[in-house]
């Protein structure tokens, strides 16, 4: 599982796109 950290939805979306979108 991807490590979970408490944070806002907007921040989680940005991280997702940056790490897994750009990484993909």
PDBML (XML) file of the C-alpha atoms, coordinates in Angstrom:
<?xml version="1.0" encoding="UTF-8" ?>
<PDBx:datablock datablockName="MODEL"
   xmlns:PDBx="http://pdbml.pdb.org/schema/pdbx-v50.xsd"
   xmlns:xsi="http://www.w3.org/2001/XMLSchema-instance"
   xsi:schemaLocation="http://pdbml.pdb.org/schema/pdbx-v50.xsd pdbx-v50.xsd">
   <PDBx:atom_siteCategory>
      <PDBx:atom_site id="1">
         <PDBx:B_iso_or_equiv>0.00</PDBx:B_iso_or_equiv>
         <PDBx:Cartn_x>0.000</PDBx:Cartn_x>
         <PDBx:Cartn_y>0.000</PDBx:Cartn_y>
         <PDBx:Cartn_z>0.000</PDBx:Cartn_z>
         <PDBx:auth_asym_id>A</PDBx:auth_asym_id>
         <PDBx:auth_atom_id>CA</PDBx:auth_atom_id>
         <PDBx:auth_comp_id>UNK</PDBx:auth_comp_id>
         <PDBx:auth_seq_id>1</PDBx:auth_seq_id>
         <PDBx:group_PDB>ATOM</PDBx:group_PDB>
         <PDBx:label_alt_id xsi:nil="true" />
         <PDBx:label_asym_id>A</PDBx:label_asym_id>
         <PDBx:label_atom_id>CA</PDBx:label_atom_id>
         <PDBx:label_comp_id>UNK</PDBx:label_comp_id>
         <PDBx:label_entity_id>1</PDBx:label_entity_id>
         <PDBx:label_seq_id>1</PDBx:label_seq_id>
         <PDBx:occupancy>1.00</PDBx:occupancy>
         <PDBx:pdbx_PDB_model_num>1</PDBx:pdbx_PDB_model_num>
         <PDBx:type_symbol>C</PDBx:type_symbol>
      </PDBx:atom_site>
      <PDBx:atom_site id="2">
         <PDBx:B_iso_or_equiv>0.00</PDBx:B_iso_or_equiv>
         <PDBx:Cartn_x>0.991</PDBx:Cartn_x>
         <PDBx:Cartn_y>3.596</PDBx:Cartn_y>
         <PDBx:Cartn_z>-0.594</PDBx:Cartn_z>
         <PDBx:auth_asym_id>A</PDBx:auth_asym_id>
         <PDBx:auth_atom_id>CA</PDBx:auth_atom_id>
         <PDBx:auth_comp_id>UNK</PDBx:auth_comp_id>
         <PDBx:auth_seq_id>2</PDBx:auth_seq_id>
         <PDBx:group_PDB>ATOM</PDBx:group_PDB>
         <PDBx:label_alt_id xsi:nil="true" />
         <PDBx:label_asym_id>A</PDBx:label_asym_id>
         <PDBx:label_atom_id>CA</PDBx:label_atom_id>
         <PDBx:label_comp_id>UNK</PDBx:label_comp_id>
         <PDBx:label_entity_id>1</PDBx:label_entity_id>
         <PDBx:label_seq_id>2</PDBx:label_seq_id>
         <PDBx:occupancy>1.00</PDBx:occupancy>
         <PDBx:pdbx_PDB_model_num>1</PDBx:pdbx_PDB_model_num>
         <PDBx:type_symbol>C</PDBx:type_symbol>
      </PDBx:atom_site>
      <PDBx:atom_site id="3">
         <PDBx:B_iso_or_equiv>0.00</PDBx:B_iso_or_equiv>
         <PDBx:Cartn_x>1.963</PDBx:Cartn_x>
         <PDBx:Cartn_y>5.236</PDBx:Cartn_y>
         <PDBx:Cartn_z>2.680</PDBx:Cartn_z>
         <PDBx:auth_asym_id>A</PDBx:auth_asym_id>
         <PDBx:auth_atom_id>CA</PDBx:auth_atom_id>
         <PDBx:auth_comp_id>UNK</PDBx:auth_comp_id>
         <PDBx:auth_seq_id>3</PDBx:auth_seq_id>
         <PDBx:group_PDB>ATOM</PDBx:group_PDB>
         <PDBx:label_alt_id xsi:nil="true" />
         <PDBx:label_asym_id>A</PDBx:label_asym_id>
         <PDBx:label_atom_id>CA</PDBx:label_atom_id>
         <PDBx:label_comp_id>UNK</PDBx:label_comp_id>
         <PDBx:label_entity_id>1</PDBx:label_entity_id>
         <PDBx:label_seq_id>3</PDBx:label_seq_id>
         <PDBx:occupancy>1.00</PDBx:occupancy>
         <PDBx:pdbx_PDB_model_num>1</PDBx:pdbx_PDB_model_num>
         <PDBx:type_symbol>C</PDBx:type_symbol>
      </PDBx:atom_site>
      <PDBx:atom_site id="4">
         <PDBx:B_iso_or_equiv>0.00</PDBx:B_iso_or_equiv>
         <PDBx:Cartn_x>-0.851</PDBx:Cartn_x>
         <PDBx:Cartn_y>7.339</PDBx:Cartn_y>
         <PDBx:Cartn_z>4.079</PDBx:Cartn_z>
         <PDBx:auth_asym_id>A</PDBx:auth_asym_id>
         <PDBx:auth_atom_id>CA</PDBx:auth_atom_id>
         <PDBx:auth_comp_id>UNK</PDBx:auth_comp_id>
         <PDBx:auth_seq_id>4</PDBx:auth_seq_id>
         <PDBx:group_PDB>ATOM</PDBx:group_PDB>
         <PDBx:label_alt_id xsi:nil="true" />
         <PDBx:label_asym_id>A</PDBx:label_asym_id>
         <PDBx:label_atom_id>CA</PDBx:label_atom_id>
         <PDBx:label_comp_id>UNK</PDBx:label_comp_id>
         <PDBx:label_entity_id>1</PDBx:label_entity_id>
         <PDBx:label_seq_id>4</PDBx:label_seq_id>
         <PDBx:occupancy>1.00</PDBx:occupancy>
         <PDBx:pdbx_PDB_model_num>1</PDBx:pdbx_PDB_model_num>
         <PDBx:type_symbol>C</PDBx:type_symbol>
      </PDBx:atom_site>
      <PDBx:atom_site id="5">
         <PDBx:B_iso_or_equiv>0.00</PDBx:B_iso_or_equiv>
         <PDBx:Cartn_x>-0.220</PDBx:Cartn_x>
         <PDBx:Cartn_y>10.765</PDBx:Cartn_y>
         <PDBx:Cartn_z>5.581</PDBx:Cartn_z>
         <PDBx:auth_asym_id>A</PDBx:auth_asym_id>
         <PDBx:auth_atom_id>CA</PDBx:auth_atom_id>
         <PDBx:auth_comp_id>UNK</PDBx:auth_comp_id>
         <PDBx:auth_seq_id>5</PDBx:auth_seq_id>
         <PDBx:group_PDB>ATOM</PDBx:group_PDB>
         <PDBx:label_alt_id xsi:nil="true" />
         <PDBx:label_asym_id>A</PDBx:label_asym_id>
         <PDBx:label_atom_id>CA</PDBx:label_atom_id>
         <PDBx:label_comp_id>UNK</PDBx:label_comp_id>
         <PDBx:label_entity_id>1</PDBx:label_entity_id>
         <PDBx:label_seq_id>5</PDBx:label_seq_id>
         <PDBx:occupancy>1.00</PDBx:occupancy>
         <PDBx:pdbx_PDB_model_num>1</PDBx:pdbx_PDB_model_num>
         <PDBx:type_symbol>C</PDBx:type_symbol>
      </PDBx:atom_site>
      <PDBx:atom_site id="6">
         <PDBx:B_iso_or_equiv>0.00</PDBx:B_iso_or_equiv>
         <PDBx:Cartn_x>-2.981</PDBx:Cartn_x>
         <PDBx:Cartn_y>13.032</PDBx:Cartn_y>
         <PDBx:Cartn_z>6.933</PDBx:Cartn_z>
         <PDBx:auth_asym_id>A</PDBx:auth_asym_id>
         <PDBx:auth_atom_id>CA</PDBx:auth_atom_id>
         <PDBx:auth_comp_id>UNK</PDBx:auth_comp_id>
         <PDBx:auth_seq_id>6</PDBx:auth_seq_id>
         <PDBx:group_PDB>ATOM</PDBx:group_PDB>
         <PDBx:label_alt_id xsi:nil="true" />
         <PDBx:label_asym_id>A</PDBx:label_asym_id>
         <PDBx:label_atom_id>CA</PDBx:label_atom_id>
         <PDBx:label_comp_id>UNK</PDBx:label_comp_id>
         <PDBx:label_entity_id>1</PDBx:label_entity_id>
         <PDBx:label_seq_id>6</PDBx:label_seq_id>
         <PDBx:occupancy>1.00</PDBx:occupancy>
         <PDBx:pdbx_PDB_model_num>1</PDBx:pdbx_PDB_model_num>
         <PDBx:type_symbol>C</PDBx:type_symbol>
      </PDBx:atom_site>
      <PDBx:atom_site id="7">
         <PDBx:B_iso_or_equiv>0.00</PDBx:B_iso_or_equiv>
         <PDBx:Cartn_x>-3.295</PDBx:Cartn_x>
         <PDBx:Cartn_y>15.974</PDBx:Cartn_y>
         <PDBx:Cartn_z>4.536</PDBx:Cartn_z>
         <PDBx:auth_asym_id>A</PDBx:auth_asym_id>
         <PDBx:auth_atom_id>CA</PDBx:auth_atom_id>
         <PDBx:auth_comp_id>UNK</PDBx:auth_comp_id>
         <PDBx:auth_seq_id>7</PDBx:auth_seq_id>
         <PDBx:group_PDB>ATOM</PDBx:group_PDB>
         <PDBx:label_alt_id xsi:nil="true" />
         <PDBx:label_asym_id>A</PDBx:label_asym_id>
         <PDBx:label_atom_id>CA</PDBx:label_atom_id>
         <PDBx:label_comp_id>UNK</PDBx:label_comp_id>
         <PDBx:label_entity_id>1</PDBx:label_entity_id>
         <PDBx:label_seq_id>7</PDBx:label_seq_id>
         <PDBx:occupancy>1.00</PDBx:occupancy>
         <PDBx:pdbx_PDB_model_num>1</PDBx:pdbx_PDB_model_num>
         <PDBx:type_symbol>C</PDBx:type_symbol>
      </PDBx:atom_site>
      <PDBx:atom_site id="8">
         <PDBx:B_iso_or_equiv>0.00</PDBx:B_iso_or_equiv>
         <PDBx:Cartn_x>-5.843</PDBx:Cartn_x>
         <PDBx:Cartn_y>17.896</PDBx:Cartn_y>
         <PDBx:Cartn_z>2.507</PDBx:Cartn_z>
         <PDBx:auth_asym_id>A</PDBx:auth_asym_id>
         <PDBx:auth_atom_id>CA</PDBx:auth_atom_id>
         <PDBx:auth_comp_id>UNK</PDBx:auth_comp_id>
         <PDBx:auth_seq_id>8</PDBx:auth_seq_id>
         <PDBx:group_PDB>ATOM</PDBx:group_PDB>
         <PDBx:label_alt_id xsi:nil="true" />
         <PDBx:label_asym_id>A</PDBx:label_asym_id>
         <PDBx:label_atom_id>CA</PDBx:label_atom_id>
         <PDBx:label_comp_id>UNK</PDBx:label_comp_id>
         <PDBx:label_entity_id>1</PDBx:label_entity_id>
         <PDBx:label_seq_id>8</PDBx:label_seq_id>
         <PDBx:occupancy>1.00</PDBx:occupancy>
         <PDBx:pdbx_PDB_model_num>1</PDBx:pdbx_PDB_model_num>
         <PDBx:type_symbol>C</PDBx:type_symbol>
      </PDBx:atom_site>
      <PDBx:atom_site id="9">
         <PDBx:B_iso_or_equiv>0.00</PDBx:B_iso_or_equiv>
         <PDBx:Cartn_x>-7.485</PDBx:Cartn_x>
         <PDBx:Cartn_y>16.421</PDBx:Cartn_y>
         <PDBx:Cartn_z>-0.574</PDBx:Cartn_z>
         <PDBx:auth_asym_id>A</PDBx:auth_asym_id>
         <PDBx:auth_atom_id>CA</PDBx:auth_atom_id>
         <PDBx:auth_comp_id>UNK</PDBx:auth_comp_id>
         <PDBx:auth_seq_id>9</PDBx:auth_seq_id>
         <PDBx:group_PDB>ATOM</PDBx:group_PDB>
         <PDBx:label_alt_id xsi:nil="true" />
         <PDBx:label_asym_id>A</PDBx:label_asym_id>
         <PDBx:label_atom_id>CA</PDBx:label_atom_id>
         <PDBx:label_comp_id>UNK</PDBx:label_comp_id>
         <PDBx:label_entity_id>1</PDBx:label_entity_id>
         <PDBx:label_seq_id>9</PDBx:label_seq_id>
         <PDBx:occupancy>1.00</PDBx:occupancy>
         <PDBx:pdbx_PDB_model_num>1</PDBx:pdbx_PDB_model_num>
         <PDBx:type_symbol>C</PDBx:type_symbol>
      </PDBx:atom_site>
      <PDBx:atom_site id="10">
         <PDBx:B_iso_or_equiv>0.00</PDBx:B_iso_or_equiv>
         <PDBx:Cartn_x>-5.898</PDBx:Cartn_x>
         <PDBx:Cartn_y>19.057</PDBx:Cartn_y>
         <PDBx:Cartn_z>-2.823</PDBx:Cartn_z>
         <PDBx:auth_asym_id>A</PDBx:auth_asym_id>
         <PDBx:auth_atom_id>CA</PDBx:auth_atom_id>
         <PDBx:auth_comp_id>UNK</PDBx:auth_comp_id>
         <PDBx:auth_seq_id>10</PDBx:auth_seq_id>
         <PDBx:group_PDB>ATOM</PDBx:group_PDB>
         <PDBx:label_alt_id xsi:nil="true" />
         <PDBx:label_asym_id>A</PDBx:label_asym_id>
         <PDBx:label_atom_id>CA</PDBx:label_atom_id>
         <PDBx:label_comp_id>UNK</PDBx:label_comp_id>
         <PDBx:label_entity_id>1</PDBx:label_entity_id>
         <PDBx:label_seq_id>10</PDBx:label_seq_id>
         <PDBx:occupancy>1.00</PDBx:occupancy>
         <PDBx:pdbx_PDB_model_num>1</PDBx:pdbx_PDB_model_num>
         <PDBx:type_symbol>C</PDBx:type_symbol>
      </PDBx:atom_site>
      <PDBx:atom_site id="11">
         <PDBx:B_iso_or_equiv>0.00</PDBx:B_iso_or_equiv>
         <PDBx:Cartn_x>-2.424</PDBx:Cartn_x>
         <PDBx:Cartn_y>18.291</PDBx:Cartn_y>
         <PDBx:Cartn_z>-1.485</PDBx:Cartn_z>
         <PDBx:auth_asym_id>A</PDBx:auth_asym_id>
         <PDBx:auth_atom_id>CA</PDBx:auth_atom_id>
         <PDBx:auth_comp_id>UNK</PDBx:auth_comp_id>
         <PDBx:auth_seq_id>11</PDBx:auth_seq_id>
         <PDBx:group_PDB>ATOM</PDBx:group_PDB>
         <PDBx:label_alt_id xsi:nil="true" />
         <PDBx:label_asym_id>A</PDBx:label_asym_id>
         <PDBx:label_atom_id>CA</PDBx:label_atom_id>
         <PDBx:label_comp_id>UNK</PDBx:label_comp_id>
         <PDBx:label_entity_id>1</PDBx:label_entity_id>
         <PDBx:label_seq_id>11</PDBx:label_seq_id>
         <PDBx:occupancy>1.00</PDBx:occupancy>
         <PDBx:pdbx_PDB_model_num>1</PDBx:pdbx_PDB_model_num>
         <PDBx:type_symbol>C</PDBx:type_symbol>
      </PDBx:atom_site>
      <PDBx:atom_site id="12">
         <PDBx:B_iso_or_equiv>0.00</PDBx:B_iso_or_equiv>
         <PDBx:Cartn_x>-2.968</PDBx:Cartn_x>
         <PDBx:Cartn_y>14.536</PDBx:Cartn_y>
         <PDBx:Cartn_z>-1.899</PDBx:Cartn_z>
         <PDBx:auth_asym_id>A</PDBx:auth_asym_id>
         <PDBx:auth_atom_id>CA</PDBx:auth_atom_id>
         <PDBx:auth_comp_id>UNK</PDBx:auth_comp_id>
         <PDBx:auth_seq_id>12</PDBx:auth_seq_id>
         <PDBx:group_PDB>ATOM</PDBx:group_PDB>
         <PDBx:label_alt_id xsi:nil="true" />
         <PDBx:label_asym_id>A</PDBx:label_asym_id>
         <PDBx:label_atom_id>CA</PDBx:label_atom_id>
         <PDBx:label_comp_id>UNK</PDBx:label_comp_id>
         <PDBx:label_entity_id>1</PDBx:label_entity_id>
         <PDBx:label_seq_id>12</PDBx:label_seq_id>
         <PDBx:occupancy>1.00</PDBx:occupancy>
         <PDBx:pdbx_PDB_model_num>1</PDBx:pdbx_PDB_model_num>
         <PDBx:type_symbol>C</PDBx:type_symbol>
      </PDBx:atom_site>
      <PDBx:atom_site id="13">
         <PDBx:B_iso_or_equiv>0.00</PDBx:B_iso_or_equiv>
         <PDBx:Cartn_x>-4.107</PDBx:Cartn_x>
         <PDBx:Cartn_y>15.075</PDBx:Cartn_y>
         <PDBx:Cartn_z>-5.509</PDBx:Cartn_z>
         <PDBx:auth_asym_id>A</PDBx:auth_asym_id>
         <PDBx:auth_atom_id>CA</PDBx:auth_atom_id>
         <PDBx:auth_comp_id>UNK</PDBx:auth_comp_id>
         <PDBx:auth_seq_id>13</PDBx:auth_seq_id>
         <PDBx:group_PDB>ATOM</PDBx:group_PDB>
         <PDBx:label_alt_id xsi:nil="true" />
         <PDBx:label_asym_id>A</PDBx:label_asym_id>
         <PDBx:label_atom_id>CA</PDBx:label_atom_id>
         <PDBx:label_comp_id>UNK</PDBx:label_comp_id>
         <PDBx:label_entity_id>1</PDBx:label_entity_id>
         <PDBx:label_seq_id>13</PDBx:label_seq_id>
         <PDBx:occupancy>1.00</PDBx:occupancy>
         <PDBx:pdbx_PDB_model_num>1</PDBx:pdbx_PDB_model_num>
         <PDBx:type_symbol>C</PDBx:type_symbol>
      </PDBx:atom_site>
      <PDBx:atom_site id="14">
         <PDBx:B_iso_or_equiv>0.00</PDBx:B_iso_or_equiv>
         <PDBx:Cartn_x>-1.048</PDBx:Cartn_x>
         <PDBx:Cartn_y>17.176</PDBx:Cartn_y>
         <PDBx:Cartn_z>-6.340</PDBx:Cartn_z>
         <PDBx:auth_asym_id>A</PDBx:auth_asym_id>
         <PDBx:auth_atom_id>CA</PDBx:auth_atom_id>
         <PDBx:auth_comp_id>UNK</PDBx:auth_comp_id>
         <PDBx:auth_seq_id>14</PDBx:auth_seq_id>
         <PDBx:group_PDB>ATOM</PDBx:group_PDB>
         <PDBx:label_alt_id xsi:nil="true" />
         <PDBx:label_asym_id>A</PDBx:label_asym_id>
         <PDBx:label_atom_id>CA</PDBx:label_atom_id>
         <PDBx:label_comp_id>UNK</PDBx:label_comp_id>
         <PDBx:label_entity_id>1</PDBx:label_entity_id>
         <PDBx:label_seq_id>14</PDBx:label_seq_id>
         <PDBx:occupancy>1.00</PDBx:occupancy>
         <PDBx:pdbx_PDB_model_num>1</PDBx:pdbx_PDB_model_num>
         <PDBx:type_symbol>C</PDBx:type_symbol>
      </PDBx:atom_site>
      <PDBx:atom_site id="15">
         <PDBx:B_iso_or_equiv>0.00</PDBx:B_iso_or_equiv>
         <PDBx:Cartn_x>1.262</PDBx:Cartn_x>
         <PDBx:Cartn_y>14.564</PDBx:Cartn_y>
         <PDBx:Cartn_z>-4.837</PDBx:Cartn_z>
         <PDBx:auth_asym_id>A</PDBx:auth_asym_id>
         <PDBx:auth_atom_id>CA</PDBx:auth_atom_id>
         <PDBx:auth_comp_id>UNK</PDBx:auth_comp_id>
         <PDBx:auth_seq_id>15</PDBx:auth_seq_id>
         <PDBx:group_PDB>ATOM</PDBx:group_PDB>
         <PDBx:label_alt_id xsi:nil="true" />
         <PDBx:label_asym_id>A</PDBx:label_asym_id>
         <PDBx:label_atom_id>CA</PDBx:label_atom_id>
         <PDBx:label_comp_id>UNK</PDBx:label_comp_id>
         <PDBx:label_entity_id>1</PDBx:label_entity_id>
         <PDBx:label_seq_id>15</PDBx:label_seq_id>
         <PDBx:occupancy>1.00</PDBx:occupancy>
         <PDBx:pdbx_PDB_model_num>1</PDBx:pdbx_PDB_model_num>
         <PDBx:type_symbol>C</PDBx:type_symbol>
      </PDBx:atom_site>
      <PDBx:atom_site id="16">
         <PDBx:B_iso_or_equiv>0.00</PDBx:B_iso_or_equiv>
         <PDBx:Cartn_x>-0.517</PDBx:Cartn_x>
         <PDBx:Cartn_y>11.782</PDBx:Cartn_y>
         <PDBx:Cartn_z>-6.719</PDBx:Cartn_z>
         <PDBx:auth_asym_id>A</PDBx:auth_asym_id>
         <PDBx:auth_atom_id>CA</PDBx:auth_atom_id>
         <PDBx:auth_comp_id>UNK</PDBx:auth_comp_id>
         <PDBx:auth_seq_id>16</PDBx:auth_seq_id>
         <PDBx:group_PDB>ATOM</PDBx:group_PDB>
         <PDBx:label_alt_id xsi:nil="true" />
         <PDBx:label_asym_id>A</PDBx:label_asym_id>
         <PDBx:label_atom_id>CA</PDBx:label_atom_id>
         <PDBx:label_comp_id>UNK</PDBx:label_comp_id>
         <PDBx:label_entity_id>1</PDBx:label_entity_id>
         <PDBx:label_seq_id>16</PDBx:label_seq_id>
         <PDBx:occupancy>1.00</PDBx:occupancy>
         <PDBx:pdbx_PDB_model_num>1</PDBx:pdbx_PDB_model_num>
         <PDBx:type_symbol>C</PDBx:type_symbol>
      </PDBx:atom_site>
      <PDBx:atom_site id="17">
         <PDBx:B_iso_or_equiv>0.00</PDBx:B_iso_or_equiv>
         <PDBx:Cartn_x>-0.182</PDBx:Cartn_x>
         <PDBx:Cartn_y>13.559</PDBx:Cartn_y>
         <PDBx:Cartn_z>-10.061</PDBx:Cartn_z>
         <PDBx:auth_asym_id>A</PDBx:auth_asym_id>
         <PDBx:auth_atom_id>CA</PDBx:auth_atom_id>
         <PDBx:auth_comp_id>UNK</PDBx:auth_comp_id>
         <PDBx:auth_seq_id>17</PDBx:auth_seq_id>
         <PDBx:group_PDB>ATOM</PDBx:group_PDB>
         <PDBx:label_alt_id xsi:nil="true" />
         <PDBx:label_asym_id>A</PDBx:label_asym_id>
         <PDBx:label_atom_id>CA</PDBx:label_atom_id>
         <PDBx:label_comp_id>UNK</PDBx:label_comp_id>
         <PDBx:label_entity_id>1</PDBx:label_entity_id>
         <PDBx:label_seq_id>17</PDBx:label_seq_id>
         <PDBx:occupancy>1.00</PDBx:occupancy>
         <PDBx:pdbx_PDB_model_num>1</PDBx:pdbx_PDB_model_num>
         <PDBx:type_symbol>C</PDBx:type_symbol>
      </PDBx:atom_site>
      <PDBx:atom_site id="18">
         <PDBx:B_iso_or_equiv>0.00</PDBx:B_iso_or_equiv>
         <PDBx:Cartn_x>3.419</PDBx:Cartn_x>
         <PDBx:Cartn_y>14.576</PDBx:Cartn_y>
         <PDBx:Cartn_z>-9.445</PDBx:Cartn_z>
         <PDBx:auth_asym_id>A</PDBx:auth_asym_id>
         <PDBx:auth_atom_id>CA</PDBx:auth_atom_id>
         <PDBx:auth_comp_id>UNK</PDBx:auth_comp_id>
         <PDBx:auth_seq_id>18</PDBx:auth_seq_id>
         <PDBx:group_PDB>ATOM</PDBx:group_PDB>
         <PDBx:label_alt_id xsi:nil="true" />
         <PDBx:label_asym_id>A</PDBx:label_asym_id>
         <PDBx:label_atom_id>CA</PDBx:label_atom_id>
         <PDBx:label_comp_id>UNK</PDBx:label_comp_id>
         <PDBx:label_entity_id>1</PDBx:label_entity_id>
         <PDBx:label_seq_id>18</PDBx:label_seq_id>
         <PDBx:occupancy>1.00</PDBx:occupancy>
         <PDBx:pdbx_PDB_model_num>1</PDBx:pdbx_PDB_model_num>
         <PDBx:type_symbol>C</PDBx:type_symbol>
      </PDBx:atom_site>
      <PDBx:atom_site id="19">
         <PDBx:B_iso_or_equiv>0.00</PDBx:B_iso_or_equiv>
         <PDBx:Cartn_x>4.708</PDBx:Cartn_x>
         <PDBx:Cartn_y>11.213</PDBx:Cartn_y>
         <PDBx:Cartn_z>-8.175</PDBx:Cartn_z>
         <PDBx:auth_asym_id>A</PDBx:auth_asym_id>
         <PDBx:auth_atom_id>CA</PDBx:auth_atom_id>
         <PDBx:auth_comp_id>UNK</PDBx:auth_comp_id>
         <PDBx:auth_seq_id>19</PDBx:auth_seq_id>
         <PDBx:group_PDB>ATOM</PDBx:group_PDB>
         <PDBx:label_alt_id xsi:nil="true" />
         <PDBx:label_asym_id>A</PDBx:label_asym_id>
         <PDBx:label_atom_id>CA</PDBx:label_atom_id>
         <PDBx:label_comp_id>UNK</PDBx:label_comp_id>
         <PDBx:label_entity_id>1</PDBx:label_entity_id>
         <PDBx:label_seq_id>19</PDBx:label_seq_id>
         <PDBx:occupancy>1.00</PDBx:occupancy>
         <PDBx:pdbx_PDB_model_num>1</PDBx:pdbx_PDB_model_num>
         <PDBx:type_symbol>C</PDBx:type_symbol>
      </PDBx:atom_site>
      <PDBx:atom_site id="20">
         <PDBx:B_iso_or_equiv>0.00</PDBx:B_iso_or_equiv>
         <PDBx:Cartn_x>2.554</PDBx:Cartn_x>
         <PDBx:Cartn_y>8.639</PDBx:Cartn_y>
         <PDBx:Cartn_z>-9.948</PDBx:Cartn_z>
         <PDBx:auth_asym_id>A</PDBx:auth_asym_id>
         <PDBx:auth_atom_id>CA</PDBx:auth_atom_id>
         <PDBx:auth_comp_id>UNK</PDBx:auth_comp_id>
         <PDBx:auth_seq_id>20</PDBx:auth_seq_id>
         <PDBx:group_PDB>ATOM</PDBx:group_PDB>
         <PDBx:label_alt_id xsi:nil="true" />
         <PDBx:label_asym_id>A</PDBx:label_asym_id>
         <PDBx:label_atom_id>CA</PDBx:label_atom_id>
         <PDBx:label_comp_id>UNK</PDBx:label_comp_id>
         <PDBx:label_entity_id>1</PDBx:label_entity_id>
         <PDBx:label_seq_id>20</PDBx:label_seq_id>
         <PDBx:occupancy>1.00</PDBx:occupancy>
         <PDBx:pdbx_PDB_model_num>1</PDBx:pdbx_PDB_model_num>
         <PDBx:type_symbol>C</PDBx:type_symbol>
      </PDBx:atom_site>
      <PDBx:atom_site id="21">
         <PDBx:B_iso_or_equiv>0.00</PDBx:B_iso_or_equiv>
         <PDBx:Cartn_x>1.353</PDBx:Cartn_x>
         <PDBx:Cartn_y>10.673</PDBx:Cartn_y>
         <PDBx:Cartn_z>-12.924</PDBx:Cartn_z>
         <PDBx:auth_asym_id>A</PDBx:auth_asym_id>
         <PDBx:auth_atom_id>CA</PDBx:auth_atom_id>
         <PDBx:auth_comp_id>UNK</PDBx:auth_comp_id>
         <PDBx:auth_seq_id>21</PDBx:auth_seq_id>
         <PDBx:group_PDB>ATOM</PDBx:group_PDB>
         <PDBx:label_alt_id xsi:nil="true" />
         <PDBx:label_asym_id>A</PDBx:label_asym_id>
         <PDBx:label_atom_id>CA</PDBx:label_atom_id>
         <PDBx:label_comp_id>UNK</PDBx:label_comp_id>
         <PDBx:label_entity_id>1</PDBx:label_entity_id>
         <PDBx:label_seq_id>21</PDBx:label_seq_id>
         <PDBx:occupancy>1.00</PDBx:occupancy>
         <PDBx:pdbx_PDB_model_num>1</PDBx:pdbx_PDB_model_num>
         <PDBx:type_symbol>C</PDBx:type_symbol>
      </PDBx:atom_site>
      <PDBx:atom_site id="22">
         <PDBx:B_iso_or_equiv>0.00</PDBx:B_iso_or_equiv>
         <PDBx:Cartn_x>4.736</PDBx:Cartn_x>
         <PDBx:Cartn_y>12.104</PDBx:Cartn_y>
         <PDBx:Cartn_z>-13.878</PDBx:Cartn_z>
         <PDBx:auth_asym_id>A</PDBx:auth_asym_id>
         <PDBx:auth_atom_id>CA</PDBx:auth_atom_id>
         <PDBx:auth_comp_id>UNK</PDBx:auth_comp_id>
         <PDBx:auth_seq_id>22</PDBx:auth_seq_id>
         <PDBx:group_PDB>ATOM</PDBx:group_PDB>
         <PDBx:label_alt_id xsi:nil="true" />
         <PDBx:label_asym_id>A</PDBx:label_asym_id>
         <PDBx:label_atom_id>CA</PDBx:label_atom_id>
         <PDBx:label_comp_id>UNK</PDBx:label_comp_id>
         <PDBx:label_entity_id>1</PDBx:label_entity_id>
         <PDBx:label_seq_id>22</PDBx:label_seq_id>
         <PDBx:occupancy>1.00</PDBx:occupancy>
         <PDBx:pdbx_PDB_model_num>1</PDBx:pdbx_PDB_model_num>
         <PDBx:type_symbol>C</PDBx:type_symbol>
      </PDBx:atom_site>
      <PDBx:atom_site id="23">
         <PDBx:B_iso_or_equiv>0.00</PDBx:B_iso_or_equiv>
         <PDBx:Cartn_x>6.462</PDBx:Cartn_x>
         <PDBx:Cartn_y>8.904</PDBx:Cartn_y>
         <PDBx:Cartn_z>-12.767</PDBx:Cartn_z>
         <PDBx:auth_asym_id>A</PDBx:auth_asym_id>
         <PDBx:auth_atom_id>CA</PDBx:auth_atom_id>
         <PDBx:auth_comp_id>UNK</PDBx:auth_comp_id>
         <PDBx:auth_seq_id>23</PDBx:auth_seq_id>
         <PDBx:group_PDB>ATOM</PDBx:group_PDB>
         <PDBx:label_alt_id xsi:nil="true" />
         <PDBx:label_asym_id>A</PDBx:label_asym_id>
         <PDBx:label_atom_id>CA</PDBx:label_atom_id>
         <PDBx:label_comp_id>UNK</PDBx:label_comp_id>
         <PDBx:label_entity_id>1</PDBx:label_entity_id>
         <PDBx:label_seq_id>23</PDBx:label_seq_id>
         <PDBx:occupancy>1.00</PDBx:occupancy>
         <PDBx:pdbx_PDB_model_num>1</PDBx:pdbx_PDB_model_num>
         <PDBx:type_symbol>C</PDBx:type_symbol>
      </PDBx:atom_site>
      <PDBx:atom_site id="24">
         <PDBx:B_iso_or_equiv>0.00</PDBx:B_iso_or_equiv>
         <PDBx:Cartn_x>4.120</PDBx:Cartn_x>
         <PDBx:Cartn_y>6.881</PDBx:Cartn_y>
         <PDBx:Cartn_z>-14.945</PDBx:Cartn_z>
         <PDBx:auth_asym_id>A</PDBx:auth_asym_id>
         <PDBx:auth_atom_id>CA</PDBx:auth_atom_id>
         <PDBx:auth_comp_id>UNK</PDBx:auth_comp_id>
         <PDBx:auth_seq_id>24</PDBx:auth_seq_id>
         <PDBx:group_PDB>ATOM</PDBx:group_PDB>
         <PDBx:label_alt_id xsi:nil="true" />
         <PDBx:label_asym_id>A</PDBx:label_asym_id>
         <PDBx:label_atom_id>CA</PDBx:label_atom_id>
         <PDBx:label_comp_id>UNK</PDBx:label_comp_id>
         <PDBx:label_entity_id>1</PDBx:label_entity_id>
         <PDBx:label_seq_id>24</PDBx:label_seq_id>
         <PDBx:occupancy>1.00</PDBx:occupancy>
         <PDBx:pdbx_PDB_model_num>1</PDBx:pdbx_PDB_model_num>
         <PDBx:type_symbol>C</PDBx:type_symbol>
      </PDBx:atom_site>
   </PDBx:atom_siteCategory>
</PDBx:datablock>
